Amino acid sequence: MLNLLHRHILKEILVSTGLAMGLFVFVLLMGNAMRDVAELVAAGKLGLLIFFQLIGLLIPYVAAYALPLGMLTGTLMALGRLSSQQEITAMKAAGVSLYQIAAPVFLIAFFGMVAGVLVNLHFAPQSRVAYQQLMATAITQNPVSFIEERRFIHEFPGYVIYMGGREGDLMQDFWIWELDSERRVQLFLRASEGEVNFDEEARQLVLTLRDGTAEQRDEVNPEALNAAPDRSLYFGELPIALPLDQIFGDPRQRRIRTKHMNFAQLMERRAHYLQEEASQGTGLSAERVRVQTYLQQHFAMAFSVFSLAVFGLPLAIRIGRHESYANLAMALVIAMSYYFLMIIVSWLEGKPELRPDLLIWLPNILFQSVGFWMLIRAGRH
């Protein structure tokens, strides 16, 4: 009988978890895609093939967050439905303990945790790096598309560019504001026409303006428009170089950010800092704590699959809501509480003396402790 009941519970949880994971992957995927990719596709800067490749590379990255959310939501939905339909009560009346009922949940959570380790420490970092490289390559293959008509372009540091129209390769009505370090206008250019060319060797856009005027602002007080009216001048042709490396970085010198490193890269970086500490005779360095924090964060995020399942299991049995939207809302509240604690700990990254690499496990310890306490209490009734 137990095998039959276990298969029944296992099936319910697998279906609910799979559906919930699919929902969260879609939501997180669309959120990232709309933010980073969709605008570029709509502006004609990326093709559809590159768009779908980028979406595919985002899936492992968002799966790192969708996996614990899906496990929690699936547990609440499946066991909440079984509890509301009195199936849990019937199982207990037949002599099946709550721990036997919970066994399939623990089994799925364990495999989910293992999958989370693989995703967080290998697939997600690699896919994120590949995503950024493909994005930079796709745009630099057609860099002229950066100058889009009737849109204020802020991508180039120190400049704001506006182009009013286009006739073939000839662009018309250029407005360019050159900004100082405080983002105040120090030079204003306006040209009736111009063209954009790409210098592949220097990796820069060369914007050639024709038939325009330049207005130099006062260096001390650039916002005083009437301070120096004699600083305006006319030009026939004026080239402006816009380095693409300021946006994407030089691919020959591009370094992977610490939070985008996989397990092997983080361990290599950690070993490097250990050697530095040993040679200099210093103690725990802030750089090594930072690397260890990201390393432990990846493990803690994977372990959250198990922690959230343990927390949600007795809650689902005790409350027993049949409505999917109520269980989904409850899962979101619980997940937001968990991630809020993770964010609080991440704020301590700049304070290595507080050991954020160890404190990152506090949300897991807290949620598991409360979850097992509720499960023990529920098992006594």
Protein backbone atom coordinates (compact mmCIF):
# COMPACT_ATOMS: atom_id res chain seq x y z
CA MET A 1 0.00 0.00 0.00
CA LEU A 2 2.85 2.33 0.85
CA ASN A 3 4.36 2.00 -2.62
CA LEU A 4 1.00 2.86 -4.15
CA LEU A 5 0.56 5.90 -1.91
CA HIS A 6 4.14 7.01 -2.50
CA ARG A 7 3.68 6.79 -6.26
CA HIS A 8 0.45 8.79 -5.97
CA ILE A 9 2.10 11.55 -3.91
CA LEU A 10 5.21 11.47 -6.09
CA LYS A 11 3.15 11.94 -9.23
CA GLU A 12 1.15 14.82 -7.74
CA ILE A 13 4.28 16.66 -6.60
CA LEU A 14 6.21 16.05 -9.84
CA VAL A 15 3.37 17.39 -11.96
CA SER A 16 2.82 20.43 -9.74
CA THR A 17 6.54 21.15 -9.44
CA GLY A 18 7.07 20.80 -13.18
CA LEU A 19 4.22 23.18 -13.97
CA ALA A 20 5.36 25.69 -11.36
CA MET A 21 8.95 25.55 -12.60
CA GLY A 22 7.78 26.11 -16.16
CA LEU A 23 5.77 29.13 -15.02
CA PHE A 24 8.66 30.69 -13.09
CA VAL A 25 11.17 30.00 -15.89
CA PHE A 26 8.83 31.73 -18.34
CA VAL A 27 8.24 34.72 -16.05
CA LEU A 28 11.93 35.18 -15.20
CA LEU A 29 12.95 34.57 -18.80
CA MET A 30 10.57 37.16 -20.15
CA GLY A 31 11.66 39.63 -17.48
CA ASN A 32 15.32 39.31 -18.48
CA ALA A 33 14.53 39.17 -22.20
CA MET A 34 12.35 42.28 -22.13
CA ARG A 35 15.03 44.14 -20.21
CA ASP A 36 18.06 43.13 -22.27
CA VAL A 37 17.06 41.71 -25.64
CA ALA A 38 13.56 42.64 -26.81
CA GLU A 39 14.36 46.35 -27.19
CA LEU A 40 17.39 45.53 -29.33
CA VAL A 41 15.34 43.21 -31.55
CA ALA A 42 12.61 45.83 -31.95
CA ALA A 43 15.25 48.41 -32.89
CA GLY A 44 16.67 46.08 -35.54
CA LYS A 45 19.99 45.60 -33.74
CA LEU A 46 19.56 41.84 -33.27
CA GLY A 47 18.15 39.18 -35.60
CA LEU A 48 15.56 36.61 -34.56
CA LEU A 49 18.08 33.75 -34.67
CA ILE A 50 20.39 35.56 -32.23
CA PHE A 51 17.33 36.42 -30.13
CA PHE A 52 16.39 32.76 -29.66
CA GLN A 53 20.01 31.81 -28.99
CA LEU A 54 20.16 34.44 -26.25
CA ILE A 55 16.87 33.19 -24.78
CA GLY A 56 18.28 29.66 -24.71
CA LEU A 57 21.40 30.84 -22.88
CA LEU A 58 19.23 32.59 -20.30
CA ILE A 59 17.37 29.39 -19.34
CA PRO A 60 20.11 27.89 -17.07
CA TYR A 61 20.59 31.30 -15.44
CA VAL A 62 16.92 31.73 -14.52
CA ALA A 63 16.60 28.02 -13.66
CA ALA A 64 18.84 28.64 -10.65
CA TYR A 65 15.99 30.76 -9.19
CA ALA A 66 13.08 28.85 -10.70
CA LEU A 67 14.14 25.51 -9.19
CA PRO A 68 13.61 26.39 -5.48
CA LEU A 69 10.51 28.43 -6.32
CA GLY A 70 9.07 25.55 -8.32
CA MET A 71 9.80 23.03 -5.57
CA LEU A 72 8.12 25.19 -2.94
CA THR A 73 5.10 25.97 -5.10
CA GLY A 74 4.73 22.36 -6.24
CA THR A 75 4.80 21.11 -2.64
CA LEU A 76 2.22 23.65 -1.51
CA MET A 77 -0.08 22.98 -4.46
CA ALA A 78 0.11 19.17 -4.41
CA LEU A 79 -0.06 18.56 -0.66
CA GLY A 80 -2.47 21.46 -0.17
CA ARG A 81 -4.87 19.85 -2.63
CA LEU A 82 -4.47 16.40 -1.04
CA SER A 83 -5.05 17.88 2.42
CA SER A 84 -8.12 19.88 1.35
CA GLN A 85 -9.66 16.75 -0.18
CA GLN A 86 -9.07 14.83 3.08
CA GLU A 87 -6.68 12.40 1.41
CA ILE A 88 -3.98 13.15 3.97
CA THR A 89 -6.47 12.47 6.77
CA ALA A 90 -7.44 9.17 5.13
CA MET A 91 -3.79 8.15 4.86
CA LYS A 92 -3.21 8.90 8.54
CA ALA A 93 -6.35 6.92 9.45
CA ALA A 94 -4.94 3.97 7.50
CA GLY A 95 -1.82 4.04 9.69
CA VAL A 96 0.48 5.96 7.37
CA SER A 97 2.63 8.39 9.33
CA LEU A 98 3.25 11.95 8.27
CA TYR A 99 6.93 11.17 7.74
CA GLN A 100 6.02 8.40 5.29
CA ILE A 101 3.77 10.84 3.46
CA ALA A 102 6.64 13.34 3.37
CA ALA A 103 9.17 10.81 2.02
CA PRO A 104 8.42 11.51 -1.69
CA VAL A 105 8.82 15.24 -1.03
CA PHE A 106 12.23 14.70 0.55
CA LEU A 107 13.25 12.46 -2.36
CA ILE A 108 12.31 15.03 -5.01
CA ALA A 109 13.86 17.84 -2.95
CA PHE A 110 17.13 15.88 -2.68
CA PHE A 111 17.39 15.38 -6.44
CA GLY A 112 16.36 19.00 -6.94
CA MET A 113 19.16 20.08 -4.62
CA VAL A 114 21.72 18.03 -6.60
CA ALA A 115 20.40 19.56 -9.83
CA GLY A 116 20.65 22.98 -8.21
CA VAL A 117 24.33 22.43 -7.38
CA LEU A 118 25.08 21.51 -11.01
CA VAL A 119 23.10 24.44 -12.36
CA ASN A 120 24.42 27.07 -9.91
CA LEU A 121 28.07 26.05 -10.00
CA HIS A 122 28.47 25.10 -13.65
CA PHE A 123 25.68 25.64 -16.16
CA ALA A 124 24.33 29.01 -14.95
CA PRO A 125 27.73 30.80 -14.78
CA GLN A 126 28.82 29.40 -18.14
CA SER A 127 25.54 30.32 -19.82
CA ARG A 128 25.68 33.85 -18.38
CA VAL A 129 29.20 34.43 -19.72
CA ALA A 130 28.22 32.95 -23.11
CA TYR A 131 25.13 35.18 -23.14
CA GLN A 132 27.18 38.35 -22.60
CA GLN A 133 29.76 37.33 -25.19
CA LEU A 134 27.10 36.53 -27.79
CA MET A 135 25.30 39.80 -27.07
CA ALA A 136 28.51 41.82 -27.52
CA THR A 137 29.51 39.91 -30.67
CA ALA A 138 26.06 40.25 -32.24
CA ILE A 139 25.96 44.01 -31.73
CA THR A 140 29.57 44.69 -32.73
CA GLN A 141 28.95 42.82 -36.00
CA ASN A 142 26.51 45.61 -36.89
CA PRO A 143 27.68 48.54 -34.75
CA VAL A 144 26.26 51.22 -37.06
CA SER A 145 22.79 50.13 -35.92
CA PHE A 146 23.59 51.73 -32.55
CA ILE A 147 22.72 55.12 -34.05
CA GLU A 148 18.96 54.78 -34.20
CA GLU A 149 16.81 57.60 -35.52
CA ARG A 150 14.53 59.63 -33.27
CA ARG A 151 15.94 58.13 -30.07
CA PHE A 152 18.26 59.65 -27.45
CA ILE A 153 21.29 57.35 -27.25
CA HIS A 154 23.01 57.20 -23.85
CA GLU A 155 25.10 54.03 -24.36
CA PHE A 156 28.36 55.88 -25.07
CA PRO A 157 29.87 57.25 -21.83
CA GLY A 158 30.22 61.02 -21.93
CA TYR A 159 27.82 61.55 -24.83
CA VAL A 160 24.13 61.88 -25.59
CA ILE A 161 23.33 61.48 -29.29
CA TYR A 162 20.16 62.15 -31.24
CA MET A 163 19.62 61.62 -34.96
CA GLY A 164 16.43 62.92 -36.58
CA GLY A 165 16.23 60.91 -39.80
CA ARG A 166 17.97 58.75 -42.37
CA GLU A 167 18.13 58.56 -46.16
CA GLY A 168 20.02 55.40 -47.04
CA ASP A 169 23.52 55.68 -45.57
CA LEU A 170 23.16 59.42 -45.07
CA MET A 171 21.92 60.53 -41.64
CA GLN A 172 20.29 63.86 -41.01
CA ASP A 173 19.77 66.32 -38.18
CA PHE A 174 22.41 65.30 -35.63
CA TRP A 175 22.33 66.59 -32.05
CA ILE A 176 25.25 65.66 -29.79
CA TRP A 177 25.83 66.68 -26.19
CA GLU A 178 29.30 66.04 -24.74
CA LEU A 179 29.13 65.70 -20.95
CA ASP A 180 31.65 66.32 -18.20
CA SER A 181 32.31 64.06 -15.19
CA GLU A 182 29.22 65.49 -13.46
CA ARG A 183 27.09 64.83 -16.57
CA ARG A 184 26.78 68.53 -17.39
CA VAL A 185 26.86 69.64 -21.03
CA GLN A 186 30.27 71.08 -21.86
CA LEU A 187 29.98 70.96 -25.67
CA PHE A 188 26.88 70.99 -27.87
CA LEU A 189 27.07 70.01 -31.54
CA ARG A 190 24.39 70.20 -34.19
CA ALA A 191 24.85 69.15 -37.80
CA SER A 192 22.50 68.98 -40.74
CA GLU A 193 23.86 65.62 -41.92
CA GLY A 194 26.51 63.02 -41.29
CA GLU A 195 27.52 59.39 -41.68
CA VAL A 196 28.71 56.60 -39.45
CA ASN A 197 31.53 54.17 -40.26
CA PHE A 198 33.06 51.35 -38.25
CA ASP A 199 36.83 51.20 -37.76
CA GLU A 200 37.25 47.50 -37.12
CA GLU A 201 40.95 47.69 -36.23
CA ALA A 202 40.44 50.40 -33.62
CA ARG A 203 37.01 48.98 -32.62
CA GLN A 204 35.30 52.34 -32.76
CA LEU A 205 32.50 54.11 -34.54
CA VAL A 206 33.60 57.17 -36.51
CA LEU A 207 30.78 59.69 -36.68
CA THR A 208 31.49 62.30 -39.35
CA LEU A 209 29.34 65.43 -39.00
CA ARG A 210 28.91 67.92 -41.84
CA ASP A 211 27.62 71.47 -42.05
CA GLY A 212 27.07 72.15 -38.37
CA THR A 213 27.75 74.36 -35.40
CA ALA A 214 29.56 73.75 -32.12
CA GLU A 215 28.81 75.57 -28.89
CA GLN A 216 31.47 75.39 -26.17
CA ARG A 217 30.09 75.89 -22.66
CA ASP A 218 31.91 77.57 -19.79
CA GLU A 219 34.24 75.08 -18.05
CA VAL A 220 33.50 76.40 -14.56
CA ASN A 221 29.77 76.86 -14.97
CA PRO A 222 28.54 74.91 -18.03
CA GLU A 223 24.91 75.64 -17.18
CA ALA A 224 25.39 79.41 -17.65
CA LEU A 225 24.17 79.61 -21.27
CA ASN A 226 24.93 83.33 -21.74
CA ALA A 227 28.36 83.34 -20.11
CA ALA A 228 30.36 83.15 -23.38
CA PRO A 229 28.29 83.74 -26.50
CA ASP A 230 31.42 84.04 -28.69
CA ARG A 231 32.28 80.33 -28.19
CA SER A 232 29.93 79.16 -30.95
CA LEU A 233 31.54 78.31 -34.28
CA TYR A 234 30.66 76.78 -37.62
CA PHE A 235 32.34 73.67 -39.06
CA GLY A 236 32.20 72.06 -42.47
CA GLU A 237 33.20 68.56 -41.38
CA LEU A 238 33.97 67.14 -37.95
CA PRO A 239 34.86 63.49 -37.13
CA ILE A 240 34.04 62.05 -33.69
CA ALA A 241 35.39 58.66 -32.53
CA LEU A 242 33.15 56.56 -30.27
CA PRO A 243 35.09 53.53 -28.88
CA LEU A 244 32.92 50.42 -28.54
CA ASP A 245 35.24 49.06 -25.84
CA GLN A 246 33.74 51.65 -23.49
CA ILE A 247 30.47 49.72 -23.75
CA PHE A 248 31.48 46.09 -24.19
CA GLY A 249 35.11 46.09 -23.07
CA ASP A 250 37.98 44.79 -25.11
CA PRO A 251 37.35 41.08 -25.84
CA ARG A 252 41.09 40.47 -25.72
CA GLN A 253 41.24 41.80 -22.15
CA ARG A 254 37.76 40.88 -20.94
CA ARG A 255 37.75 39.30 -17.50
CA ILE A 256 34.99 37.21 -16.05
CA ARG A 257 33.32 38.86 -13.07
CA THR A 258 33.56 36.92 -9.81
CA LYS A 259 29.81 36.34 -9.55
CA HIS A 260 29.81 34.80 -13.05
CA MET A 261 32.59 32.29 -12.32
CA ASN A 262 31.95 28.57 -12.15
CA PHE A 263 33.13 26.29 -9.36
CA ALA A 264 36.58 25.55 -10.84
CA GLN A 265 37.27 29.25 -11.49
CA LEU A 266 36.18 30.27 -7.99
CA MET A 267 38.38 27.61 -6.40
CA GLU A 268 41.32 28.71 -8.55
CA ARG A 269 40.79 32.33 -7.52
CA ARG A 270 40.48 31.28 -3.86
CA ALA A 271 43.76 29.31 -4.09
CA HIS A 272 45.44 32.39 -5.57
CA TYR A 273 44.40 34.55 -2.60
CA LEU A 274 45.49 31.83 -0.18
CA GLN A 275 48.96 31.86 -1.71
CA GLU A 276 49.08 35.66 -1.46
CA GLU A 277 48.10 35.54 2.21
CA ALA A 278 50.74 32.89 2.92
CA SER A 279 53.51 34.80 1.14
CA GLN A 280 52.62 38.13 2.77
CA GLY A 281 51.93 36.65 6.18
CA THR A 282 48.51 38.28 6.40
CA GLY A 283 45.26 36.85 7.67
CA LEU A 284 41.95 36.41 5.93
CA SER A 285 41.75 38.94 3.09
CA ALA A 286 38.62 40.74 1.93
CA GLU A 287 39.18 39.40 -1.60
CA ARG A 288 39.16 35.76 -0.42
CA VAL A 289 36.03 36.38 1.67
CA ARG A 290 34.34 37.83 -1.39
CA VAL A 291 35.20 34.77 -3.49
CA GLN A 292 34.11 32.43 -0.70
CA THR A 293 30.84 34.34 -0.32
CA TYR A 294 29.94 33.77 -3.96
CA LEU A 295 31.02 30.13 -3.69
CA GLN A 296 28.91 29.52 -0.59
CA GLN A 297 26.03 31.49 -2.10
CA HIS A 298 25.87 29.08 -5.04
CA PHE A 299 25.73 26.12 -2.66
CA ALA A 300 23.20 27.84 -0.39
CA MET A 301 20.92 28.65 -3.33
CA ALA A 302 21.01 24.99 -4.38
CA PHE A 303 20.33 23.88 -0.80
CA SER A 304 17.34 26.24 -0.70
CA VAL A 305 15.44 23.70 -2.83
CA PHE A 306 15.47 21.36 0.17
CA SER A 307 14.97 24.11 2.75
CA LEU A 308 11.90 25.59 1.08
CA ALA A 309 10.41 22.13 0.53
CA VAL A 310 10.84 21.30 4.23
CA PHE A 311 9.26 24.61 5.18
CA GLY A 312 6.36 24.29 2.76
CA LEU A 313 5.50 20.64 3.51
CA PRO A 314 3.91 21.00 6.98
CA LEU A 315 2.43 24.35 5.98
CA ALA A 316 0.59 22.79 3.05
CA ILE A 317 -0.75 19.92 5.18
CA ARG A 318 -1.84 22.20 7.99
CA ILE A 319 -3.54 24.90 5.91
CA GLY A 320 -4.75 22.60 3.13
CA ARG A 321 -5.89 25.07 0.47
CA HIS A 322 -7.36 23.66 -2.73
CA GLU A 323 -7.14 26.92 -4.69
CA SER A 324 -4.01 27.11 -6.83
CA TYR A 325 -3.83 30.90 -6.69
CA ALA A 326 -3.82 30.85 -2.86
CA ASN A 327 -0.97 28.32 -2.79
CA LEU A 328 0.92 30.31 -5.41
CA ALA A 329 0.51 33.51 -3.40
CA MET A 330 1.70 31.72 -0.25
CA ALA A 331 4.74 30.37 -2.11
CA LEU A 332 5.65 33.84 -3.34
CA VAL A 333 5.42 35.31 0.17
CA ILE A 334 7.64 32.54 1.59
CA ALA A 335 10.13 32.82 -1.27
CA MET A 336 10.31 36.61 -0.99
CA SER A 337 11.02 36.27 2.73
CA TYR A 338 13.82 33.79 2.02
CA TYR A 339 15.43 35.91 -0.72
CA PHE A 340 15.07 39.05 1.38
CA LEU A 341 17.19 37.39 4.07
CA MET A 342 19.72 36.39 1.40
CA ILE A 343 19.87 40.00 0.20
CA ILE A 344 20.41 41.28 3.74
CA VAL A 345 23.37 38.94 4.16
CA SER A 346 24.76 39.96 0.74
CA TRP A 347 24.88 43.55 1.98
CA LEU A 348 27.63 42.45 4.36
CA GLU A 349 29.92 41.56 1.46
CA GLY A 350 32.01 44.67 2.09
CA LYS A 351 32.54 43.72 5.75
CA PRO A 352 34.73 40.60 5.71
CA GLU A 353 35.16 40.69 9.50
CA LEU A 354 31.50 39.63 9.83
CA ARG A 355 32.17 36.54 7.66
CA PRO A 356 29.34 36.89 5.11
CA ASP A 357 30.58 33.67 3.50
CA LEU A 358 29.29 31.82 6.58
CA LEU A 359 26.28 34.01 7.32
CA ILE A 360 24.93 33.24 3.84
CA TRP A 361 23.72 29.92 5.28
CA LEU A 362 21.50 31.58 7.90
CA PRO A 363 18.32 31.65 5.74
CA ASN A 364 18.65 27.91 5.07
CA ILE A 365 19.25 27.13 8.73
CA LEU A 366 16.31 29.29 9.80
CA PHE A 367 13.83 27.91 7.26
CA GLN A 368 14.87 24.30 7.86
CA SER A 369 14.68 24.69 11.63
CA VAL A 370 11.19 26.19 11.47
CA GLY A 371 10.13 23.64 8.85
CA PHE A 372 11.23 20.60 10.85
CA TRP A 373 9.69 22.08 14.01
CA MET A 374 6.33 22.48 12.23
CA LEU A 375 6.66 18.99 10.76
CA ILE A 376 7.28 17.42 14.18
CA ARG A 377 4.30 19.27 15.62
CA ALA A 378 2.09 18.21 12.72
CA GLY A 379 3.22 14.58 13.15
CA ARG A 380 1.99 14.52 16.74
CA HIS A 381 -1.60 15.26 15.77
